[in-house]
C-alpha atoms as a PDB file:
ATOM      1  CA  MET A   1     109.074 103.433  85.212  1.00  0.00           C
ATOM      2  CA  LEU A   2     107.115 100.184  85.297  1.00  0.00           C
ATOM      3  CA  ALA A   3     108.131  99.122  81.826  1.00  0.00           C
ATOM      4  CA  TRP A   4     111.767  99.813  82.708  1.00  0.00           C
ATOM      5  CA  ALA A   5     111.412  97.889  85.956  1.00  0.00           C
ATOM      6  CA  ALA A   6     109.930  94.862  84.254  1.00  0.00           C
ATOM      7  CA  ALA A   7     112.179  94.958  81.194  1.00  0.00           C
ATOM      8  CA  ALA A   8     115.539  95.384  82.909  1.00  0.00           C
ATOM      9  CA  PRO A   9     116.220  91.815  83.994  1.00  0.00           C
ATOM     10  CA  THR A  10     119.979  92.176  84.189  1.00  0.00           C
ATOM     11  CA  SER A  11     119.946  95.519  85.953  1.00  0.00           C
ATOM     12  CA  ALA A  12     120.883  95.417  89.616  1.00  0.00           C
ATOM     13  CA  SER A  13     118.207  98.064  90.128  1.00  0.00           C
ATOM     14  CA  SER A  14     115.422  95.909  88.700  1.00  0.00           C
ATOM     15  CA  PRO A  15     112.571  95.119  91.113  1.00  0.00           C
ATOM     16  CA  ALA A  16     112.590  91.603  89.639  1.00  0.00           C
ATOM     17  CA  GLN A  17     116.255  91.227  90.658  1.00  0.00           C
ATOM     18  CA  ALA A  18     115.318  92.577  94.093  1.00  0.00           C
ATOM     19  CA  ALA A  19     112.665  89.852  94.415  1.00  0.00           C
ATOM     20  CA  ARG A  20     115.289  87.250  93.494  1.00  0.00           C
ATOM     21  CA  ALA A  21     117.691  88.604  96.119  1.00  0.00           C
ATOM     22  CA  ALA A  22     114.895  88.766  98.709  1.00  0.00           C
ATOM     23  CA  ALA A  23     114.106  85.081  98.127  1.00  0.00           C
ATOM     24  CA  GLU A  24     117.761  84.211  98.557  1.00  0.00           C
ATOM     25  CA  SER A  25     117.947  86.109 101.876  1.00  0.00           C
ATOM     26  CA  ILE A  26     114.500  85.289 103.299  1.00  0.00           C
ATOM     27  CA  ASP A  27     115.958  83.406 106.265  1.00  0.00           C
ATOM     28  CA  THR A  28     118.168  86.225 107.551  1.00  0.00           C
ATOM     29  CA  ASN A  29     117.478  88.795 110.259  1.00  0.00           C
ATOM     30  CA  GLY A  30     113.875  87.747 110.892  1.00  0.00           C
ATOM     31  CA  ALA A  31     112.871  88.599 107.330  1.00  0.00           C
ATOM     32  CA  ARG A  32     110.591  85.565 106.957  1.00  0.00           C
ATOM     33  CA  ALA A  33     108.415  86.435 109.970  1.00  0.00           C
ATOM     34  CA  SER A  34     108.055  90.122 109.147  1.00  0.00           C
ATOM     35  CA  PHE A  35     107.402  89.491 105.447  1.00  0.00           C
ATOM     36  CA  THR A  36     104.846  86.780 106.239  1.00  0.00           C
ATOM     37  CA  ALA A  37     103.018  89.189 108.552  1.00  0.00           C
ATOM     38  CA  LEU A  38     103.036  91.873 105.861  1.00  0.00           C
ATOM     39  CA  VAL A  39     101.641  89.471 103.256  1.00  0.00           C
ATOM     40  CA  GLU A  40      98.879  88.400 105.657  1.00  0.00           C
ATOM     41  CA  GLU A  41      98.018  92.048 106.233  1.00  0.00           C
ATOM     42  CA  GLY A  42      97.720  92.584 102.487  1.00  0.00           C
ATOM     43  CA  ARG A  43      95.302  89.701 102.048  1.00  0.00           C
ATOM     44  CA  HIS A  44      92.754  91.693 104.025  1.00  0.00           C
ATOM     45  CA  TYR A  45      92.360  94.025 101.039  1.00  0.00           C
ATOM     46  CA  ARG A  46      91.156  91.215  98.782  1.00  0.00           C
ATOM     47  CA  GLY A  47      87.744  91.307 100.454  1.00  0.00           C
ATOM     48  CA  HIS A  48      87.849  94.854 101.787  1.00  0.00           C
ATOM     49  CA  PRO A  49      89.163  97.211  99.106  1.00  0.00           C
ATOM     50  CA  ASP A  50      90.231 100.529 100.576  1.00  0.00           C
ATOM     51  CA  MET A  51      92.247 102.244  97.881  1.00  0.00           C
ATOM     52  CA  PRO A  52      94.108 104.863  99.960  1.00  0.00           C
ATOM     53  CA  ALA A  53      95.101 102.225 102.522  1.00  0.00           C
ATOM     54  CA  PHE A  54      95.983  99.718  99.804  1.00  0.00           C
ATOM     55  CA  VAL A  55      98.270 102.202  98.035  1.00  0.00           C
ATOM     56  CA  THR A  56     100.151 102.644 101.315  1.00  0.00           C
ATOM     57  CA  TYR A  57     100.272  98.884 101.823  1.00  0.00           C
ATOM     58  CA  ASN A  58     101.446  98.336  98.224  1.00  0.00           C
ATOM     59  CA  ARG A  59     104.382 100.663  98.810  1.00  0.00           C
ATOM     60  CA  ARG A  60     105.280  98.802 102.019  1.00  0.00           C
ATOM     61  CA  PHE A  61     105.084  95.439 100.217  1.00  0.00           C
ATOM     62  CA  HIS A  62     107.469  96.546  97.470  1.00  0.00           C
ATOM     63  CA  GLN A  63     109.768  98.327  99.929  1.00  0.00           C
ATOM     64  CA  ALA A  64     109.979  95.189 102.087  1.00  0.00           C
ATOM     65  CA  ILE A  65     111.193  93.205  99.090  1.00  0.00           C
ATOM     66  CA  VAL A  66     113.733  95.856  98.183  1.00  0.00           C
ATOM     67  CA  SER A  67     114.862  96.075 101.810  1.00  0.00           C
ATOM     68  CA  MET A  68     115.486  92.318 101.933  1.00  0.00           C
ATOM     69  CA  SER A  69     117.501  92.650  98.720  1.00  0.00           C
ATOM     70  CA  GLY A  70     119.756  95.291 100.262  1.00  0.00           C
ATOM     71  CA  ASN A  71     119.381  97.600  97.253  1.00  0.00           C
ATOM     72  CA  THR A  72     119.205 101.098  98.764  1.00  0.00           C
ATOM     73  CA  GLU A  73     119.218 102.821  95.365  1.00  0.00           C
ATOM     74  CA  LEU A  74     116.086 100.961  94.277  1.00  0.00           C
ATOM     75  CA  ALA A  75     114.411 101.842  97.584  1.00  0.00           C
ATOM     76  CA  GLU A  76     114.928 105.508  96.763  1.00  0.00           C
ATOM     77  CA  LEU A  77     113.521 105.044  93.255  1.00  0.00           C
ATOM     78  CA  ILE A  78     110.419 103.344  94.582  1.00  0.00           C
ATOM     79  CA  ASP A  79     109.851 106.226  96.970  1.00  0.00           C
ATOM     80  CA  ARG A  80     110.419 108.769  94.243  1.00  0.00           C
ATOM     81  CA  TYR A  81     108.280 107.071  91.603  1.00  0.00           C
ATOM     82  CA  GLN A  82     105.891 105.173  93.830  1.00  0.00           C
ATOM     83  CA  LEU A  83     103.069 103.517  92.060  1.00  0.00           C
ATOM     84  CA  ALA A  84     100.499 105.929  93.493  1.00  0.00           C
ATOM     85  CA  VAL A  85     100.157 107.766  90.182  1.00  0.00           C
ATOM     86  CA  PHE A  86      99.841 104.498  88.306  1.00  0.00           C
ATOM     87  CA  MET A  87      97.477 103.057  90.877  1.00  0.00           C
ATOM     88  CA  HIS A  88      95.327 106.153  90.502  1.00  0.00           C
ATOM     89  CA  LEU A  89      95.147 105.752  86.736  1.00  0.00           C
ATOM     90  CA  LEU A  90      94.331 102.067  86.974  1.00  0.00           C
ATOM     91  CA  ARG A  91      91.776 102.570  89.721  1.00  0.00           C
ATOM     92  CA  ARG A  92      89.957 105.110  87.586  1.00  0.00           C
ATOM     93  CA  SER A  93      89.777 102.782  84.621  1.00  0.00           C
ATOM     94  CA  VAL A  94      89.597  99.331  86.198  1.00  0.00           C
ATOM     95  CA  GLY A  95      87.988 100.022  89.544  1.00  0.00           C
ATOM     96  CA  ALA A  96      89.316  99.757  93.054  1.00  0.00           C
ATOM     97  CA  VAL A  97      87.863  96.322  93.771  1.00  0.00           C
ATOM     98  CA  ARG A  98      89.335  94.607  90.716  1.00  0.00           C
ATOM     99  CA  LEU A  99      92.674  96.401  91.004  1.00  0.00           C
ATOM    100  CA  THR A 100      93.033  95.488  94.660  1.00  0.00           C
ATOM    101  CA  GLN A 101      92.074  91.847  94.124  1.00  0.00           C
ATOM    102  CA  GLU A 102      94.454  91.441  91.174  1.00  0.00           C
ATOM    103  CA  SER A 103      97.308  93.085  93.054  1.00  0.00           C
ATOM    104  CA  VAL A 104      96.805  90.972  96.174  1.00  0.00           C
ATOM    105  CA  ASP A 105      96.675  87.818  94.038  1.00  0.00           C
ATOM    106  CA  GLN A 106      99.912  88.810  92.279  1.00  0.00           C
ATOM    107  CA  HIS A 107     101.545  89.743  95.593  1.00  0.00           C
ATOM    108  CA  ASP A 108     100.665  86.259  96.884  1.00  0.00           C
ATOM    109  CA  VAL A 109     102.487  84.635  93.962  1.00  0.00           C
ATOM    110  CA  ILE A 110     105.540  86.835  94.581  1.00  0.00           C
ATOM    111  CA  ALA A 111     105.420  86.176  98.323  1.00  0.00           C
ATOM    112  CA  ARG A 112     105.140  82.389  97.915  1.00  0.00           C
ATOM    113  CA  ALA A 113     108.226  82.407  95.719  1.00  0.00           C
ATOM    114  CA  ILE A 114     110.182  84.587  98.128  1.00  0.00           C
ATOM    115  CA  LEU A 115     109.120  82.603 101.171  1.00  0.00           C
ATOM    116  CA  SER A 116     110.090  79.342  99.451  1.00  0.00           C
ATOM    117  CA  GLY A 117     113.541  80.796  98.763  1.00  0.00           C
ATOM    118  CA  ASP A 118     113.095  80.352  95.014  1.00  0.00           C
ATOM    119  CA  GLY A 119     114.923  83.316  93.517  1.00  0.00           C
ATOM    120  CA  GLU A 120     114.039  82.533  89.911  1.00  0.00           C
ATOM    121  CA  ALA A 121     110.326  82.148  90.653  1.00  0.00           C
ATOM    122  CA  ALA A 122     110.364  85.388  92.686  1.00  0.00           C
ATOM    123  CA  TYR A 123     112.093  87.160  89.805  1.00  0.00           C
ATOM    124  CA  GLN A 124     109.548  85.881  87.269  1.00  0.00           C
ATOM    125  CA  ALA A 125     106.556  86.666  89.511  1.00  0.00           C
ATOM    126  CA  MET A 126     107.702  90.237  90.139  1.00  0.00           C
ATOM    127  CA  ARG A 127     108.425  90.756  86.476  1.00  0.00           C
ATOM    128  CA  ALA A 128     104.945  89.473  85.545  1.00  0.00           C
ATOM    129  CA  HIS A 129     103.367  91.727  88.193  1.00  0.00           C
ATOM    130  CA  LEU A 130     105.118  94.816  86.870  1.00  0.00           C
ATOM    131  CA  TRP A 131     104.339  93.982  83.249  1.00  0.00           C
ATOM    132  CA  HIS A 132     100.687  93.390  84.088  1.00  0.00           C
ATOM    133  CA  THR A 133     100.510  96.842  85.674  1.00  0.00           C
ATOM    134  CA  ALA A 134     102.416  98.544  82.848  1.00  0.00           C
ATOM    135  CA  GLU A 135     100.309  96.910  80.147  1.00  0.00           C
ATOM    136  CA  GLY A 136      97.128  97.902  81.960  1.00  0.00           C
ATOM    137  CA  ILE A 137      98.210 101.518  82.095  1.00  0.00           C
ATOM    138  CA  ILE A 138      99.223 101.597  78.433  1.00  0.00           C
ATOM    139  CA  GLU A 139      95.978  99.921  77.387  1.00  0.00           C
ATOM    140  CA  ARG A 140      93.847 102.382  79.358  1.00  0.00           C
ATOM    141  CA  LEU A 141      95.785 105.421  78.157  1.00  0.00           C
ATOM    142  CA  SER A 142      95.541 104.241  74.546  1.00  0.00           C
ATOM    143  CA  ALA A 143      91.790 103.717  74.866  1.00  0.00           C
ATOM    144  CA  SER A 144      91.276 107.173  76.330  1.00  0.00           C
ATOM    145  CA  GLY A 145      92.707 108.904  73.334  1.00  0.00           C
END
């Protein structure tokens, strides 16, 4: 799922395309204020890792981006294949503190691009975030046998 999401740049159902669309629509329907509040909430986890709460927050972060993009099909895919399984694998191999800090840092890069209205930067930041996660999973699975 993550490799597909990061590698499908021309697909309308790509999370990277959703980030681009979110950046382009950030100033509609109060999206900027609600997304800014969500990003601020997520920054709390940088210094206070709480994996179950962060997994819930992570889903909300990605769903907010998809919601701003207007892509209802991708919203359903995220719910169906939420990163909880992947987060669990990474947490076991990397550790909750490092995983949370890296994710929050990457979310900040994505959020800055979206909030600046820079669709291309949002697209690239989301793509890098997804690839980072996918590569981490593959690396850990390969090392475990």
